[in-house]
Amino acid sequence: MDLSKLMGAAQAMQAKIEETKNKVADLRVSGSAGAGLVTADVAGDGRVLRLNIDASLFKPEEKEVIEDLIVAAIADGQRKATEASQAEMAKVTAGMPLPPGMKLPF
């Protein structure tokens, strides 16, 4: 095993991980709930960027339903952001034998 090749590969991997982290931060996904009555735009890192609530929901008696839909839309957006982020990182680590459950970046 050539140590210099291994170090070079590790440095290249680190650069690729940094590039991918930046790409992930720029990802945008949209989560929804209530057949699209509530939507949440979420960044790749899980930050909620925008929330849209259909005007038809604005009735005092629907308050709890709206609150539940907001939480569901945000959770859906965050789940999608996590999946997209993991897919991008998987591209970087493809072929690299990582122990089960190990995530990059550390």
C-alpha atoms as a PDB file:
ATOM      1  CA  MET A   1       0.000   0.000   0.000  1.00  0.00           C
ATOM      2  CA  ASP A   2       1.470   3.339  -1.104  1.00  0.00           C
ATOM      3  CA  LEU A   3       0.999   5.875   1.691  1.00  0.00           C
ATOM      4  CA  SER A   4       1.428   8.884  -0.599  1.00  0.00           C
ATOM      5  CA  LYS A   5      -1.344   7.620  -2.892  1.00  0.00           C
ATOM      6  CA  LEU A   6      -3.563   7.032   0.121  1.00  0.00           C
ATOM      7  CA  MET A   7      -2.924  10.570   1.422  1.00  0.00           C
ATOM      8  CA  GLY A   8      -3.598  12.023  -2.029  1.00  0.00           C
ATOM      9  CA  ALA A   9      -6.857  10.089  -2.258  1.00  0.00           C
ATOM     10  CA  ALA A  10      -7.864  11.302   1.218  1.00  0.00           C
ATOM     11  CA  GLN A  11      -7.176  14.932   0.264  1.00  0.00           C
ATOM     12  CA  ALA A  12      -9.151  14.557  -2.963  1.00  0.00           C
ATOM     13  CA  MET A  13     -12.014  13.007  -0.998  1.00  0.00           C
ATOM     14  CA  GLN A  14     -11.950  15.881   1.523  1.00  0.00           C
ATOM     15  CA  ALA A  15     -12.126  18.442  -1.295  1.00  0.00           C
ATOM     16  CA  LYS A  16     -15.021  16.556  -2.863  1.00  0.00           C
ATOM     17  CA  ILE A  17     -16.828  16.405   0.490  1.00  0.00           C
ATOM     18  CA  GLU A  18     -16.487  20.176   0.934  1.00  0.00           C
ATOM     19  CA  GLU A  19     -17.786  20.739  -2.593  1.00  0.00           C
ATOM     20  CA  THR A  20     -20.708  18.408  -1.905  1.00  0.00           C
ATOM     21  CA  LYS A  21     -21.529  20.123   1.409  1.00  0.00           C
ATOM     22  CA  ASN A  22     -21.798  23.411  -0.473  1.00  0.00           C
ATOM     23  CA  LYS A  23     -23.985  21.768  -3.103  1.00  0.00           C
ATOM     24  CA  VAL A  24     -26.222  20.289  -0.398  1.00  0.00           C
ATOM     25  CA  ALA A  25     -26.621  23.694   1.264  1.00  0.00           C
ATOM     26  CA  ASP A  26     -27.952  24.996  -2.057  1.00  0.00           C
ATOM     27  CA  LEU A  27     -30.492  22.167  -2.439  1.00  0.00           C
ATOM     28  CA  ARG A  28     -34.137  23.174  -2.219  1.00  0.00           C
ATOM     29  CA  VAL A  29     -37.021  20.759  -1.744  1.00  0.00           C
ATOM     30  CA  SER A  30     -40.706  21.295  -1.105  1.00  0.00           C
ATOM     31  CA  GLY A  31     -42.699  19.331   1.449  1.00  0.00           C
ATOM     32  CA  SER A  32     -46.464  19.326   1.493  1.00  0.00           C
ATOM     33  CA  ALA A  33     -49.433  18.248   3.577  1.00  0.00           C
ATOM     34  CA  GLY A  34     -53.196  18.275   3.236  1.00  0.00           C
ATOM     35  CA  ALA A  35     -53.127  17.569  -0.515  1.00  0.00           C
ATOM     36  CA  GLY A  36     -50.897  20.590  -1.039  1.00  0.00           C
ATOM     37  CA  LEU A  37     -52.871  23.034   1.095  1.00  0.00           C
ATOM     38  CA  VAL A  38     -49.733  23.615   3.187  1.00  0.00           C
ATOM     39  CA  THR A  39     -46.268  23.568   1.644  1.00  0.00           C
ATOM     40  CA  ALA A  40     -42.844  24.144   3.150  1.00  0.00           C
ATOM     41  CA  ASP A  41     -39.710  24.937   1.130  1.00  0.00           C
ATOM     42  CA  VAL A  42     -36.698  23.469   2.901  1.00  0.00           C
ATOM     43  CA  ALA A  43     -32.949  23.851   2.290  1.00  0.00           C
ATOM     44  CA  GLY A  44     -30.675  20.827   2.028  1.00  0.00           C
ATOM     45  CA  ASP A  45     -29.480  21.415   5.586  1.00  0.00           C
ATOM     46  CA  GLY A  46     -33.073  21.271   6.911  1.00  0.00           C
ATOM     47  CA  ARG A  47     -33.737  25.001   7.320  1.00  0.00           C
ATOM     48  CA  VAL A  48     -37.333  25.998   6.547  1.00  0.00           C
ATOM     49  CA  LEU A  49     -37.113  28.749   3.943  1.00  0.00           C
ATOM     50  CA  ARG A  50     -40.739  29.416   3.126  1.00  0.00           C
ATOM     51  CA  LEU A  51     -44.165  28.316   4.294  1.00  0.00           C
ATOM     52  CA  ASN A  52     -47.299  28.616   2.164  1.00  0.00           C
ATOM     53  CA  ILE A  53     -50.799  28.085   3.547  1.00  0.00           C
ATOM     54  CA  ASP A  54     -53.797  28.009   1.221  1.00  0.00           C
ATOM     55  CA  ALA A  55     -56.252  30.784   2.115  1.00  0.00           C
ATOM     56  CA  SER A  56     -59.133  28.301   2.262  1.00  0.00           C
ATOM     57  CA  LEU A  57     -57.760  27.035   5.581  1.00  0.00           C
ATOM     58  CA  PHE A  58     -58.147  30.309   7.444  1.00  0.00           C
ATOM     59  CA  LYS A  59     -61.177  29.524   9.561  1.00  0.00           C
ATOM     60  CA  PRO A  60     -60.963  29.732  13.363  1.00  0.00           C
ATOM     61  CA  GLU A  61     -62.464  26.269  13.776  1.00  0.00           C
ATOM     62  CA  GLU A  62     -59.661  24.829  11.594  1.00  0.00           C
ATOM     63  CA  LYS A  63     -56.807  26.133  13.816  1.00  0.00           C
ATOM     64  CA  GLU A  64     -55.657  22.698  15.031  1.00  0.00           C
ATOM     65  CA  VAL A  65     -55.868  21.222  11.530  1.00  0.00           C
ATOM     66  CA  ILE A  66     -53.720  24.055  10.165  1.00  0.00           C
ATOM     67  CA  GLU A  67     -51.144  23.587  12.927  1.00  0.00           C
ATOM     68  CA  ASP A  68     -50.957  19.851  12.214  1.00  0.00           C
ATOM     69  CA  LEU A  69     -50.606  20.458   8.477  1.00  0.00           C
ATOM     70  CA  ILE A  70     -47.801  22.970   9.044  1.00  0.00           C
ATOM     71  CA  VAL A  71     -45.863  20.495  11.156  1.00  0.00           C
ATOM     72  CA  ALA A  72     -46.474  17.725   8.597  1.00  0.00           C
ATOM     73  CA  ALA A  73     -45.347  19.888   5.661  1.00  0.00           C
ATOM     74  CA  ILE A  74     -42.161  20.951   7.458  1.00  0.00           C
ATOM     75  CA  ALA A  75     -41.393  17.356   8.457  1.00  0.00           C
ATOM     76  CA  ASP A  76     -41.966  16.214   4.859  1.00  0.00           C
ATOM     77  CA  GLY A  77     -39.642  18.920   3.540  1.00  0.00           C
ATOM     78  CA  GLN A  78     -36.949  18.115   6.089  1.00  0.00           C
ATOM     79  CA  ARG A  79     -37.181  14.390   5.277  1.00  0.00           C
ATOM     80  CA  LYS A  80     -36.781  15.137   1.578  1.00  0.00           C
ATOM     81  CA  ALA A  81     -33.847  17.462   2.293  1.00  0.00           C
ATOM     82  CA  THR A  82     -32.141  14.736   4.333  1.00  0.00           C
ATOM     83  CA  GLU A  83     -32.678  12.183   1.565  1.00  0.00           C
ATOM     84  CA  ALA A  84     -31.303  14.566  -1.079  1.00  0.00           C
ATOM     85  CA  SER A  85     -28.305  15.384   1.123  1.00  0.00           C
ATOM     86  CA  GLN A  86     -27.562  11.707   1.726  1.00  0.00           C
ATOM     87  CA  ALA A  87     -27.842  10.975  -2.000  1.00  0.00           C
ATOM     88  CA  GLU A  88     -25.298  13.706  -2.781  1.00  0.00           C
ATOM     89  CA  MET A  89     -22.876  12.423  -0.145  1.00  0.00           C
ATOM     90  CA  ALA A  90     -23.317   8.861  -1.407  1.00  0.00           C
ATOM     91  CA  LYS A  91     -22.035  10.013  -4.790  1.00  0.00           C
ATOM     92  CA  VAL A  92     -18.823  11.203  -3.114  1.00  0.00           C
ATOM     93  CA  THR A  93     -18.269   8.059  -1.081  1.00  0.00           C
ATOM     94  CA  ALA A  94     -19.317   5.588  -3.805  1.00  0.00           C
ATOM     95  CA  GLY A  95     -16.933   2.680  -3.817  1.00  0.00           C
ATOM     96  CA  MET A  96     -15.324   3.704  -0.536  1.00  0.00           C
ATOM     97  CA  PRO A  97     -15.690   0.923   2.039  1.00  0.00           C
ATOM     98  CA  LEU A  98     -17.199   2.683   5.052  1.00  0.00           C
ATOM     99  CA  PRO A  99     -18.348   0.789   8.147  1.00  0.00           C
ATOM    100  CA  PRO A 100     -22.140   0.404   8.396  1.00  0.00           C
ATOM    101  CA  GLY A 101     -23.768   3.466   9.930  1.00  0.00           C
ATOM    102  CA  MET A 102     -20.744   5.696   9.409  1.00  0.00           C
ATOM    103  CA  LYS A 103     -21.691   9.055   7.947  1.00  0.00           C
ATOM    104  CA  LEU A 104     -19.586  11.640   6.195  1.00  0.00           C
ATOM    105  CA  PRO A 105     -18.686  14.340   6.896  1.00  0.00           C
ATOM    106  CA  PHE A 106     -17.740  13.269  10.422  1.00  0.00           C
END
